Amino acid sequence: MKIIAVSQRLEKSKYGELRAQLDSNLLNFVYKSGYIPVPIPYFIYNKKKSLKCLSLWIKKIKPDGFILSGGDDIGKFKIRDWSELFILSFAKRKRIRLLGICRGMQLIAKKHGSRLIKVKNHVNKNHFIIMNKKKIKVNSYHNMALDNCPKNFQITSRAEDGVIESIKSNYYKIEGWMWHPERYKSFKNFDIKSFKRLFSE
């Protein structure tokens, strides 16, 4: 089975510890889709040393794909921003498939020239997106959205209010989804099929 490396969110505990965390449902979703999920660690040093350690870890694990997970706003923890931008660059350079979920999609878009703007009625909601002229119901947990399509990407779906909900690269196997495929009691076939399509041969 292929290995998919998954980035984690960071939280400070009440004891002052900086903890890397991941929704276990996301790991379950990756496994249900037919892959082995491996959480990506953070190495808390200065930027140069942190990214050197991350590079060595990636070369040792040799993942077949990456997920930039959701949770937290960009800028909250610099070490996460550095690490995920490094992973994005590495994936492009090595032609490795990558999916950005919610915050992950925002980071991809911002890196490629989009601005993030505030939106209303997209937090803890279910709504329809339009994809290939079809209406698909998805969840929504974001208060920031893309102001325009990032450079060298195409928009693959929008919400009914016009908000960009998914994108894909014109040159790489890189996609972004604003919804969370892991946040359902039962995973949706649509998400599993879309995930397999992206990470298949």
N, C-alpha and C. Protein backbone atom coordinates (compact mmCIF):
# COMPACT_ATOMS: atom_id res chain seq x y z
N MET A 1 0.83 -1.20 0.00
CA MET A 1 0.00 0.00 0.00
C MET A 1 0.87 1.25 0.00
N LYS A 2 0.41 2.28 -0.68
CA LYS A 2 1.15 3.53 -0.75
C LYS A 2 1.07 4.29 0.57
N ILE A 3 2.12 5.07 0.84
CA ILE A 3 2.19 5.88 2.05
C ILE A 3 1.79 7.32 1.73
N ILE A 4 0.85 7.87 2.50
CA ILE A 4 0.46 9.27 2.38
C ILE A 4 0.87 9.98 3.67
N ALA A 5 1.75 10.96 3.56
CA ALA A 5 2.22 11.73 4.72
C ALA A 5 1.25 12.90 4.96
N VAL A 6 0.83 13.06 6.21
CA VAL A 6 -0.23 14.02 6.55
C VAL A 6 0.30 15.05 7.54
N SER A 7 0.18 16.32 7.20
CA SER A 7 0.62 17.38 8.11
C SER A 7 -0.35 17.48 9.29
N GLN A 8 0.15 18.00 10.41
CA GLN A 8 -0.64 18.09 11.63
C GLN A 8 -0.84 19.54 12.04
N ARG A 9 -1.91 19.78 12.80
CA ARG A 9 -2.11 21.10 13.37
C ARG A 9 -1.30 21.20 14.66
N LEU A 10 -1.05 22.41 15.12
CA LEU A 10 -0.30 22.63 16.35
C LEU A 10 -1.20 23.31 17.38
N GLU A 11 -1.06 22.89 18.63
CA GLU A 11 -1.80 23.50 19.73
C GLU A 11 -0.89 23.58 20.95
N LYS A 12 -1.06 24.65 21.73
CA LYS A 12 -0.35 24.75 23.00
C LYS A 12 -1.26 24.20 24.10
N SER A 13 -0.74 23.26 24.87
CA SER A 13 -1.52 22.67 25.95
C SER A 13 -1.57 23.62 27.14
N LYS A 14 -2.39 23.30 28.13
CA LYS A 14 -2.48 24.13 29.33
C LYS A 14 -1.19 24.11 30.13
N TYR A 15 -0.31 23.15 29.80
CA TYR A 15 1.00 23.06 30.46
C TYR A 15 2.08 23.79 29.68
N GLY A 16 1.69 24.42 28.57
CA GLY A 16 2.66 25.17 27.77
C GLY A 16 3.37 24.34 26.72
N GLU A 17 2.97 23.07 26.57
CA GLU A 17 3.60 22.21 25.57
C GLU A 17 3.04 22.53 24.19
N LEU A 18 3.90 22.51 23.20
CA LEU A 18 3.45 22.67 21.81
C LEU A 18 3.23 21.28 21.25
N ARG A 19 1.96 20.95 21.00
CA ARG A 19 1.60 19.59 20.61
C ARG A 19 1.15 19.53 19.16
N ALA A 20 1.67 18.55 18.42
CA ALA A 20 1.22 18.26 17.07
C ALA A 20 0.02 17.33 17.18
N GLN A 21 -1.09 17.68 16.51
CA GLN A 21 -2.32 16.92 16.65
C GLN A 21 -2.95 16.66 15.29
N LEU A 22 -3.70 15.57 15.23
CA LEU A 22 -4.35 15.20 13.98
C LEU A 22 -5.65 14.47 14.30
N ASP A 23 -6.71 14.84 13.62
CA ASP A 23 -7.98 14.14 13.78
C ASP A 23 -7.80 12.70 13.31
N SER A 24 -8.06 11.75 14.22
CA SER A 24 -7.87 10.35 13.86
C SER A 24 -8.78 9.94 12.71
N ASN A 25 -9.90 10.65 12.53
CA ASN A 25 -10.79 10.34 11.42
C ASN A 25 -10.13 10.59 10.07
N LEU A 26 -9.19 11.55 10.01
CA LEU A 26 -8.49 11.78 8.75
C LEU A 26 -7.58 10.60 8.43
N LEU A 27 -6.93 10.06 9.45
CA LEU A 27 -6.12 8.86 9.25
C LEU A 27 -6.99 7.70 8.79
N ASN A 28 -8.17 7.58 9.41
CA ASN A 28 -9.11 6.52 9.02
C ASN A 28 -9.58 6.70 7.58
N PHE A 29 -9.83 7.96 7.19
CA PHE A 29 -10.26 8.23 5.82
C PHE A 29 -9.20 7.80 4.81
N VAL A 30 -7.95 8.14 5.09
CA VAL A 30 -6.85 7.77 4.19
C VAL A 30 -6.76 6.25 4.09
N TYR A 31 -6.86 5.57 5.24
CA TYR A 31 -6.77 4.11 5.25
C TYR A 31 -7.96 3.48 4.51
N LYS A 32 -9.15 4.03 4.75
CA LYS A 32 -10.35 3.54 4.08
C LYS A 32 -10.23 3.68 2.56
N SER A 33 -9.49 4.69 2.13
CA SER A 33 -9.30 4.93 0.70
C SER A 33 -8.24 4.02 0.09
N GLY A 34 -7.54 3.25 0.95
CA GLY A 34 -6.59 2.27 0.44
C GLY A 34 -5.12 2.65 0.58
N TYR A 35 -4.82 3.57 1.51
CA TYR A 35 -3.45 4.03 1.68
C TYR A 35 -3.04 3.97 3.15
N ILE A 36 -1.75 4.04 3.41
CA ILE A 36 -1.22 4.05 4.77
C ILE A 36 -0.91 5.51 5.15
N PRO A 37 -1.61 6.06 6.15
CA PRO A 37 -1.32 7.44 6.55
C PRO A 37 -0.17 7.50 7.57
N VAL A 38 0.69 8.48 7.41
CA VAL A 38 1.80 8.70 8.35
C VAL A 38 1.82 10.18 8.73
N PRO A 39 1.62 10.51 10.01
CA PRO A 39 1.66 11.92 10.43
C PRO A 39 3.05 12.52 10.25
N ILE A 40 3.09 13.75 9.78
CA ILE A 40 4.36 14.46 9.58
C ILE A 40 4.74 15.19 10.87
N PRO A 41 5.95 14.96 11.39
CA PRO A 41 6.37 15.64 12.62
C PRO A 41 6.87 17.06 12.35
N TYR A 42 6.92 17.86 13.41
CA TYR A 42 7.55 19.19 13.35
C TYR A 42 8.83 19.15 14.18
N PHE A 43 9.87 19.74 13.65
CA PHE A 43 11.16 19.79 14.34
C PHE A 43 11.38 21.23 14.78
N ILE A 44 11.32 21.46 16.09
CA ILE A 44 11.27 22.82 16.63
C ILE A 44 12.68 23.37 16.83
N TYR A 45 13.22 23.90 15.76
CA TYR A 45 14.51 24.60 15.80
C TYR A 45 14.32 25.91 15.04
N ASN A 46 15.42 26.54 14.64
CA ASN A 46 15.28 27.67 13.74
C ASN A 46 14.82 27.15 12.37
N LYS A 47 14.41 28.06 11.50
CA LYS A 47 13.81 27.65 10.24
C LYS A 47 14.73 26.74 9.43
N LYS A 48 15.99 27.11 9.29
CA LYS A 48 16.91 26.34 8.46
C LYS A 48 17.07 24.91 8.98
N LYS A 49 17.28 24.77 10.29
CA LYS A 49 17.50 23.43 10.85
C LYS A 49 16.21 22.62 10.85
N SER A 50 15.09 23.27 11.11
CA SER A 50 13.80 22.59 11.10
C SER A 50 13.53 21.96 9.74
N LEU A 51 13.76 22.74 8.69
CA LEU A 51 13.47 22.24 7.34
C LEU A 51 14.49 21.20 6.89
N LYS A 52 15.71 21.31 7.38
CA LYS A 52 16.71 20.28 7.07
C LYS A 52 16.29 18.95 7.68
N CYS A 53 15.81 18.98 8.93
CA CYS A 53 15.34 17.75 9.59
C CYS A 53 14.12 17.19 8.87
N LEU A 54 13.21 18.07 8.46
CA LEU A 54 12.02 17.63 7.73
C LEU A 54 12.41 16.98 6.41
N SER A 55 13.36 17.57 5.71
CA SER A 55 13.83 17.02 4.44
C SER A 55 14.40 15.62 4.63
N LEU A 56 15.18 15.42 5.68
CA LEU A 56 15.76 14.10 5.96
C LEU A 56 14.67 13.09 6.30
N TRP A 57 13.65 13.55 7.05
CA TRP A 57 12.53 12.67 7.41
C TRP A 57 11.79 12.21 6.14
N ILE A 58 11.50 13.16 5.25
CA ILE A 58 10.78 12.83 4.02
C ILE A 58 11.58 11.83 3.17
N LYS A 59 12.87 12.06 3.07
CA LYS A 59 13.71 11.16 2.27
C LYS A 59 13.77 9.76 2.87
N LYS A 60 13.65 9.68 4.19
CA LYS A 60 13.68 8.37 4.86
C LYS A 60 12.33 7.65 4.69
N ILE A 61 11.24 8.38 4.85
CA ILE A 61 9.90 7.78 4.77
C ILE A 61 9.50 7.48 3.32
N LYS A 62 9.92 8.34 2.40
CA LYS A 62 9.61 8.21 0.97
C LYS A 62 8.10 8.10 0.71
N PRO A 63 7.33 9.10 1.11
CA PRO A 63 5.88 9.04 0.90
C PRO A 63 5.52 9.10 -0.58
N ASP A 64 4.40 8.48 -0.90
CA ASP A 64 3.88 8.51 -2.27
C ASP A 64 2.97 9.70 -2.50
N GLY A 65 2.60 10.39 -1.43
CA GLY A 65 1.74 11.55 -1.55
C GLY A 65 1.71 12.32 -0.23
N PHE A 66 1.15 13.52 -0.28
CA PHE A 66 1.06 14.38 0.89
C PHE A 66 -0.36 14.92 1.06
N ILE A 67 -0.75 15.15 2.30
CA ILE A 67 -1.94 15.93 2.62
C ILE A 67 -1.52 17.08 3.51
N LEU A 68 -1.91 18.30 3.13
CA LEU A 68 -1.80 19.45 4.02
C LEU A 68 -3.16 19.58 4.69
N SER A 69 -3.23 19.26 5.97
CA SER A 69 -4.50 19.13 6.66
C SER A 69 -5.08 20.49 7.04
N GLY A 70 -6.31 20.46 7.56
CA GLY A 70 -6.99 21.69 7.96
C GLY A 70 -6.70 22.06 9.40
N GLY A 71 -7.40 23.08 9.88
CA GLY A 71 -7.24 23.54 11.26
C GLY A 71 -6.29 24.69 11.38
N ASP A 72 -6.70 25.73 12.12
CA ASP A 72 -5.88 26.92 12.39
C ASP A 72 -5.76 27.81 11.16
N ASP A 73 -5.53 29.08 11.41
CA ASP A 73 -5.30 30.03 10.33
C ASP A 73 -3.83 30.09 9.97
N ILE A 74 -3.54 30.41 8.74
CA ILE A 74 -2.16 30.61 8.32
C ILE A 74 -1.57 31.76 9.12
N GLY A 75 -0.35 31.58 9.62
CA GLY A 75 0.30 32.63 10.40
C GLY A 75 0.27 32.40 11.90
N LYS A 76 -0.56 31.47 12.37
CA LYS A 76 -0.66 31.23 13.81
C LYS A 76 0.62 30.61 14.36
N PHE A 77 1.16 29.64 13.62
CA PHE A 77 2.42 28.99 14.02
C PHE A 77 3.35 28.99 12.81
N LYS A 78 4.43 29.74 12.91
CA LYS A 78 5.37 29.86 11.78
C LYS A 78 5.98 28.52 11.40
N ILE A 79 6.26 27.68 12.39
CA ILE A 79 6.89 26.39 12.08
C ILE A 79 5.99 25.55 11.19
N ARG A 80 4.67 25.64 11.40
CA ARG A 80 3.76 24.89 10.53
C ARG A 80 3.76 25.50 9.13
N ASP A 81 3.72 26.82 9.04
CA ASP A 81 3.74 27.48 7.73
C ASP A 81 5.01 27.11 6.96
N TRP A 82 6.16 27.21 7.62
CA TRP A 82 7.44 26.87 6.97
C TRP A 82 7.39 25.43 6.45
N SER A 83 6.97 24.52 7.33
CA SER A 83 7.00 23.10 7.00
C SER A 83 6.08 22.77 5.83
N GLU A 84 4.86 23.31 5.86
CA GLU A 84 3.92 22.99 4.79
C GLU A 84 4.32 23.63 3.46
N LEU A 85 4.89 24.82 3.50
CA LEU A 85 5.39 25.43 2.27
C LEU A 85 6.55 24.63 1.70
N PHE A 86 7.40 24.10 2.59
CA PHE A 86 8.50 23.25 2.15
C PHE A 86 7.95 21.98 1.49
N ILE A 87 6.93 21.37 2.11
CA ILE A 87 6.33 20.15 1.56
C ILE A 87 5.71 20.43 0.19
N LEU A 88 5.02 21.56 0.06
CA LEU A 88 4.44 21.94 -1.23
C LEU A 88 5.51 22.07 -2.30
N SER A 89 6.59 22.74 -1.96
CA SER A 89 7.70 22.92 -2.91
C SER A 89 8.34 21.58 -3.27
N PHE A 90 8.52 20.73 -2.26
CA PHE A 90 9.12 19.40 -2.47
C PHE A 90 8.23 18.57 -3.39
N ALA A 91 6.91 18.61 -3.14
CA ALA A 91 5.96 17.83 -3.96
C ALA A 91 6.01 18.27 -5.42
N LYS A 92 6.11 19.56 -5.65
CA LYS A 92 6.20 20.05 -7.02
C LYS A 92 7.52 19.62 -7.67
N ARG A 93 8.59 19.77 -6.93
CA ARG A 93 9.91 19.45 -7.48
C ARG A 93 10.04 17.97 -7.82
N LYS A 94 9.46 17.12 -6.96
CA LYS A 94 9.59 15.67 -7.15
C LYS A 94 8.38 15.05 -7.85
N ARG A 95 7.42 15.91 -8.24
CA ARG A 95 6.21 15.43 -8.92
C ARG A 95 5.45 14.41 -8.06
N ILE A 96 5.28 14.74 -6.79
CA ILE A 96 4.53 13.90 -5.86
C ILE A 96 3.14 14.50 -5.67
N ARG A 97 2.14 13.65 -5.60
CA ARG A 97 0.75 14.11 -5.50
C ARG A 97 0.48 14.71 -4.13
N LEU A 98 -0.38 15.74 -4.12
CA LEU A 98 -0.63 16.46 -2.88
C LEU A 98 -2.07 16.98 -2.86
N LEU A 99 -2.70 16.87 -1.69
CA LEU A 99 -4.04 17.41 -1.46
C LEU A 99 -3.99 18.40 -0.31
N GLY A 100 -4.53 19.58 -0.51
CA GLY A 100 -4.69 20.55 0.57
C GLY A 100 -6.13 20.59 1.01
N ILE A 101 -6.38 20.37 2.30
CA ILE A 101 -7.73 20.39 2.85
C ILE A 101 -7.94 21.68 3.63
N CYS A 102 -8.92 22.47 3.24
CA CYS A 102 -9.31 23.71 3.91
C CYS A 102 -8.10 24.65 4.06
N ARG A 103 -7.50 24.74 5.23
CA ARG A 103 -6.31 25.57 5.41
C ARG A 103 -5.22 25.19 4.40
N GLY A 104 -5.10 23.88 4.11
CA GLY A 104 -4.11 23.43 3.15
C GLY A 104 -4.35 24.01 1.77
N MET A 105 -5.62 24.07 1.36
CA MET A 105 -5.95 24.68 0.07
C MET A 105 -5.64 26.18 0.11
N GLN A 106 -5.94 26.83 1.23
CA GLN A 106 -5.66 28.25 1.35
C GLN A 106 -4.17 28.54 1.25
N LEU A 107 -3.35 27.68 1.86
CA LEU A 107 -1.90 27.86 1.80
C LEU A 107 -1.40 27.69 0.36
N ILE A 108 -1.91 26.68 -0.34
CA ILE A 108 -1.54 26.47 -1.74
C ILE A 108 -1.89 27.70 -2.57
N ALA A 109 -3.13 28.19 -2.39
CA ALA A 109 -3.61 29.32 -3.17
C ALA A 109 -2.81 30.59 -2.87
N LYS A 110 -2.54 30.83 -1.61
CA LYS A 110 -1.79 32.03 -1.22
C LYS A 110 -0.38 31.99 -1.80
N LYS A 111 0.23 30.82 -1.80
CA LYS A 111 1.56 30.66 -2.36
C LYS A 111 1.56 30.96 -3.86
N HIS A 112 0.43 30.75 -4.52
CA HIS A 112 0.35 30.94 -5.97
C HIS A 112 -0.43 32.20 -6.35
N GLY A 113 -0.42 33.19 -5.45
CA GLY A 113 -0.89 34.52 -5.83
C GLY A 113 -2.28 34.93 -5.43
N SER A 114 -3.05 34.06 -4.78
CA SER A 114 -4.39 34.45 -4.33
C SER A 114 -4.31 35.17 -2.99
N ARG A 115 -5.29 36.03 -2.75
CA ARG A 115 -5.46 36.64 -1.43
C ARG A 115 -6.59 35.91 -0.72
N LEU A 116 -6.55 35.92 0.62
CA LEU A 116 -7.62 35.34 1.41
C LEU A 116 -8.53 36.45 1.91
N ILE A 117 -9.82 36.25 1.77
CA ILE A 117 -10.80 37.23 2.21
C ILE A 117 -11.80 36.55 3.15
N LYS A 118 -12.41 37.34 4.02
CA LYS A 118 -13.40 36.80 4.96
C LYS A 118 -14.71 36.53 4.24
N VAL A 119 -15.36 35.43 4.63
CA VAL A 119 -16.68 35.10 4.10
C VAL A 119 -17.62 34.76 5.25
N LYS A 120 -18.91 34.90 5.00
CA LYS A 120 -19.92 34.60 6.01
C LYS A 120 -20.66 33.31 5.63
N ASN A 121 -21.22 32.68 6.66
CA ASN A 121 -22.07 31.50 6.47
C ASN A 121 -21.35 30.30 5.87
N HIS A 122 -20.06 30.17 6.22
CA HIS A 122 -19.30 28.99 5.76
C HIS A 122 -18.68 28.23 6.93
N VAL A 123 -19.10 28.54 8.16
CA VAL A 123 -18.56 27.86 9.34
C VAL A 123 -19.62 26.93 9.92
N ASN A 124 -19.24 25.64 10.05
CA ASN A 124 -20.14 24.63 10.63
C ASN A 124 -21.47 24.56 9.88
N LYS A 125 -21.35 24.52 8.55
CA LYS A 125 -22.52 24.47 7.68
C LYS A 125 -22.39 23.29 6.71
N ASN A 126 -23.52 22.88 6.19
CA ASN A 126 -23.54 22.00 5.02
C ASN A 126 -24.14 22.80 3.88
N HIS A 127 -23.52 22.76 2.71
CA HIS A 127 -24.05 23.50 1.57
C HIS A 127 -23.70 22.77 0.28
N PHE A 128 -24.26 23.25 -0.81
CA PHE A 128 -24.00 22.63 -2.10
C PHE A 128 -22.87 23.34 -2.83
N ILE A 129 -22.07 22.55 -3.53
CA ILE A 129 -21.09 23.08 -4.46
C ILE A 129 -21.50 22.65 -5.87
N ILE A 130 -21.06 23.41 -6.85
CA ILE A 130 -21.31 23.06 -8.24
C ILE A 130 -20.01 22.56 -8.85
N MET A 131 -20.01 21.30 -9.26
CA MET A 131 -18.82 20.68 -9.85
C MET A 131 -19.25 19.91 -11.09
N ASN A 132 -18.67 20.25 -12.21
CA ASN A 132 -19.04 19.61 -13.48
C ASN A 132 -20.55 19.65 -13.72
N LYS A 133 -21.12 20.81 -13.43
CA LYS A 133 -22.55 21.08 -13.63
C LYS A 133 -23.46 20.24 -12.73
N LYS A 134 -22.87 19.62 -11.70
CA LYS A 134 -23.64 18.84 -10.74
C LYS A 134 -23.60 19.50 -9.37
N LYS A 135 -24.69 19.36 -8.61
CA LYS A 135 -24.74 19.84 -7.24
C LYS A 135 -24.30 18.72 -6.30
N ILE A 136 -23.33 19.04 -5.44
CA ILE A 136 -22.81 18.07 -4.48
C ILE A 136 -22.84 18.71 -3.10
N LYS A 137 -23.39 18.02 -2.12
CA LYS A 137 -23.47 18.56 -0.77
C LYS A 137 -22.19 18.25 0.01
N VAL A 138 -21.60 19.29 0.59
CA VAL A 138 -20.37 19.13 1.37
C VAL A 138 -20.50 19.91 2.68
N ASN A 139 -19.58 19.62 3.60
CA ASN A 139 -19.53 20.40 4.84
C ASN A 139 -18.66 21.64 4.65
N SER A 140 -18.70 22.54 5.61
CA SER A 140 -17.95 23.79 5.49
C SER A 140 -17.58 24.29 6.88
N TYR A 141 -16.27 24.57 7.08
CA TYR A 141 -15.78 25.01 8.39
C TYR A 141 -14.78 26.16 8.26
N HIS A 142 -14.96 27.00 7.26
CA HIS A 142 -13.95 28.05 7.04
C HIS A 142 -14.58 29.44 7.04
N ASN A 143 -13.83 30.41 7.56
CA ASN A 143 -14.29 31.81 7.51
C ASN A 143 -13.44 32.66 6.57
N MET A 144 -12.48 32.00 5.90
CA MET A 144 -11.66 32.68 4.90
C MET A 144 -11.82 31.95 3.56
N ALA A 145 -11.73 32.71 2.48
CA ALA A 145 -11.89 32.13 1.15
C ALA A 145 -10.92 32.79 0.18
N LEU A 146 -10.80 32.21 -1.01
CA LEU A 146 -9.92 32.75 -2.04
C LEU A 146 -10.62 33.90 -2.77
N ASP A 147 -9.88 34.97 -3.01
CA ASP A 147 -10.48 36.09 -3.75
C ASP A 147 -10.46 35.85 -5.25
N ASN A 148 -9.58 34.97 -5.72
CA ASN A 148 -9.49 34.67 -7.15
C ASN A 148 -8.76 33.35 -7.35
N CYS A 149 -8.79 32.84 -8.56
CA CYS A 149 -8.11 31.58 -8.86
C CYS A 149 -6.60 31.79 -8.82
N PRO A 150 -5.86 30.93 -8.10
CA PRO A 150 -4.40 31.07 -8.08
C PRO A 150 -3.78 30.83 -9.45
N LYS A 151 -2.61 31.43 -9.66
CA LYS A 151 -1.91 31.33 -10.94
C LYS A 151 -1.56 29.88 -11.25
N ASN A 152 -1.81 29.49 -12.50
CA ASN A 152 -1.53 28.14 -12.99
C ASN A 152 -2.39 27.06 -12.34
N PHE A 153 -3.56 27.46 -11.83
CA PHE A 153 -4.55 26.53 -11.31
C PHE A 153 -5.86 26.76 -12.03
N GLN A 154 -6.79 25.86 -11.86
CA GLN A 154 -8.14 26.05 -12.36
C GLN A 154 -9.14 25.76 -11.25
N ILE A 155 -10.26 26.45 -11.28
CA ILE A 155 -11.32 26.24 -10.31
C ILE A 155 -12.13 25.02 -10.73
N THR A 156 -12.32 24.08 -9.82
CA THR A 156 -13.08 22.87 -10.14
C THR A 156 -14.46 22.86 -9.49
N SER A 157 -14.69 23.73 -8.51
CA SER A 157 -16.04 23.85 -7.95
C SER A 157 -16.18 25.18 -7.21
N ARG A 158 -17.41 25.63 -7.14
CA ARG A 158 -17.78 26.82 -6.37
C ARG A 158 -19.02 26.49 -5.53
N ALA A 159 -19.17 27.21 -4.42
CA ALA A 159 -20.42 27.15 -3.67
C ALA A 159 -21.48 27.94 -4.43
N GLU A 160 -22.72 27.78 -4.04
CA GLU A 160 -23.80 28.48 -4.73
C GLU A 160 -23.69 30.00 -4.58
N ASP A 161 -22.98 30.46 -3.55
CA ASP A 161 -22.77 31.90 -3.39
C ASP A 161 -21.54 32.41 -4.14
N GLY A 162 -20.90 31.52 -4.90
CA GLY A 162 -19.75 31.92 -5.72
C GLY A 162 -18.39 31.68 -5.10
N VAL A 163 -18.35 31.31 -3.82
CA VAL A 163 -17.06 31.07 -3.16
C VAL A 163 -16.36 29.87 -3.79
N ILE A 164 -15.06 30.01 -4.05
CA ILE A 164 -14.26 28.93 -4.63
C ILE A 164 -14.12 27.80 -3.61
N GLU A 165 -14.50 26.58 -4.00
CA GLU A 165 -14.50 25.46 -3.07
C GLU A 165 -13.45 24.38 -3.39
N SER A 166 -12.95 24.35 -4.61
CA SER A 166 -11.88 23.41 -4.93
C SER A 166 -11.11 23.90 -6.15
N ILE A 167 -9.83 23.52 -6.19
CA ILE A 167 -8.94 23.92 -7.27
C ILE A 167 -8.02 22.75 -7.63
N LYS A 168 -7.43 22.81 -8.81
CA LYS A 168 -6.38 21.86 -9.15
C LYS A 168 -5.35 22.52 -10.04
N SER A 169 -4.12 22.06 -9.91
CA SER A 169 -3.00 22.61 -10.67
C SER A 169 -3.10 22.22 -12.14
N ASN A 170 -2.66 23.11 -13.00
CA ASN A 170 -2.61 22.82 -14.43
C ASN A 170 -1.40 21.97 -14.81
N TYR A 171 -0.39 21.91 -13.92
CA TYR A 171 0.87 21.25 -14.27
C TYR A 171 1.28 20.12 -13.32
N TYR A 172 0.72 20.10 -12.13
CA TYR A 172 1.10 19.10 -11.13
C TYR A 172 -0.13 18.37 -10.64
N LYS A 173 0.08 17.22 -9.99
CA LYS A 173 -1.02 16.47 -9.38
C LYS A 173 -1.27 17.05 -7.98
N ILE A 174 -1.74 18.27 -7.97
CA ILE A 174 -2.00 19.00 -6.73
C ILE A 174 -3.43 19.55 -6.77
N GLU A 175 -4.18 19.29 -5.70
CA GLU A 175 -5.55 19.78 -5.60
C GLU A 175 -5.79 20.40 -4.23
N GLY A 176 -6.82 21.22 -4.15
CA GLY A 176 -7.27 21.77 -2.88
C GLY A 176 -8.77 21.62 -2.75
N TRP A 177 -9.21 21.18 -1.56
CA TRP A 177 -10.64 21.07 -1.25
C TRP A 177 -10.91 21.90 0.00
N MET A 178 -11.95 22.72 -0.02
CA MET A 178 -12.28 23.49 1.16
C MET A 178 -13.10 22.69 2.17
N TRP A 179 -13.72 21.61 1.76
CA TRP A 179 -14.48 20.79 2.71
C TRP A 179 -13.56 19.75 3.35
N HIS A 180 -14.07 19.12 4.42
CA HIS A 180 -13.30 18.13 5.18
C HIS A 180 -13.86 16.74 4.95
N PRO A 181 -13.21 15.89 4.17
CA PRO A 181 -13.75 14.55 3.91
C PRO A 181 -13.79 13.67 5.15
N GLU A 182 -13.02 14.03 6.17
CA GLU A 182 -12.95 13.22 7.39
C GLU A 182 -14.07 13.54 8.39
N ARG A 183 -14.78 14.64 8.20
CA ARG A 183 -15.74 15.08 9.22
C ARG A 183 -17.17 14.61 8.93
N TYR A 184 -17.29 13.32 8.70
CA TYR A 184 -18.60 12.69 8.52
C TYR A 184 -18.63 11.42 9.37
N LYS A 185 -19.83 11.05 9.83
CA LYS A 185 -19.95 9.79 10.58
C LYS A 185 -19.61 8.62 9.67
N SER A 186 -20.03 8.70 8.44
CA SER A 186 -19.67 7.71 7.41
C SER A 186 -19.05 8.46 6.24
N PHE A 187 -17.87 8.05 5.83
CA PHE A 187 -17.18 8.74 4.75
C PHE A 187 -17.99 8.66 3.46
N LYS A 188 -17.94 9.71 2.67
CA LYS A 188 -18.72 9.77 1.44
C LYS A 188 -17.97 9.11 0.28
N ASN A 189 -18.72 8.34 -0.50
CA ASN A 189 -18.13 7.68 -1.67
C ASN A 189 -17.52 8.70 -2.63
N PHE A 190 -18.17 9.85 -2.75
CA PHE A 190 -17.65 10.90 -3.63
C PHE A 190 -16.24 11.31 -3.22
N ASP A 191 -16.02 11.48 -1.90
CA ASP A 191 -14.70 11.90 -1.42
C ASP A 191 -13.67 10.80 -1.61
N ILE A 192 -14.06 9.56 -1.32
CA ILE A 192 -13.13 8.44 -1.48
C ILE A 192 -12.72 8.27 -2.95
N LYS A 193 -13.69 8.36 -3.84
CA LYS A 193 -13.38 8.25 -5.27
C LYS A 193 -12.49 9.39 -5.74
N SER A 194 -12.77 10.60 -5.26
CA SER A 194 -11.95 11.77 -5.64
C SER A 194 -10.53 11.62 -5.11
N PHE A 195 -10.41 11.10 -3.88
CA PHE A 195 -9.10 10.90 -3.27
C PHE A 195 -8.30 9.85 -4.04
N LYS A 196 -8.96 8.75 -4.36
CA LYS A 196 -8.28 7.69 -5.12
C LYS A 196 -7.86 8.18 -6.51
N ARG A 197 -8.71 8.97 -7.11
CA ARG A 197 -8.38 9.52 -8.45
C ARG A 197 -7.10 10.35 -8.38
N LEU A 198 -6.99 11.19 -7.35
CA LEU A 198 -5.81 12.05 -7.23
C LEU A 198 -4.55 11.24 -6.96
N PHE A 199 -4.66 10.23 -6.08
CA PHE A 199 -3.46 9.53 -5.64
C PHE A 199 -3.20 8.20 -6.36
N SER A 200 -4.00 7.93 -7.40
CA SER A 200 -3.80 6.69 -8.17
C SER A 200 -2.61 6.83 -9.10
N GLU A 201 -2.25 5.73 -9.71
CA GLU A 201 -1.14 5.73 -10.69
C GLU A 201 -1.45 6.67 -11.86
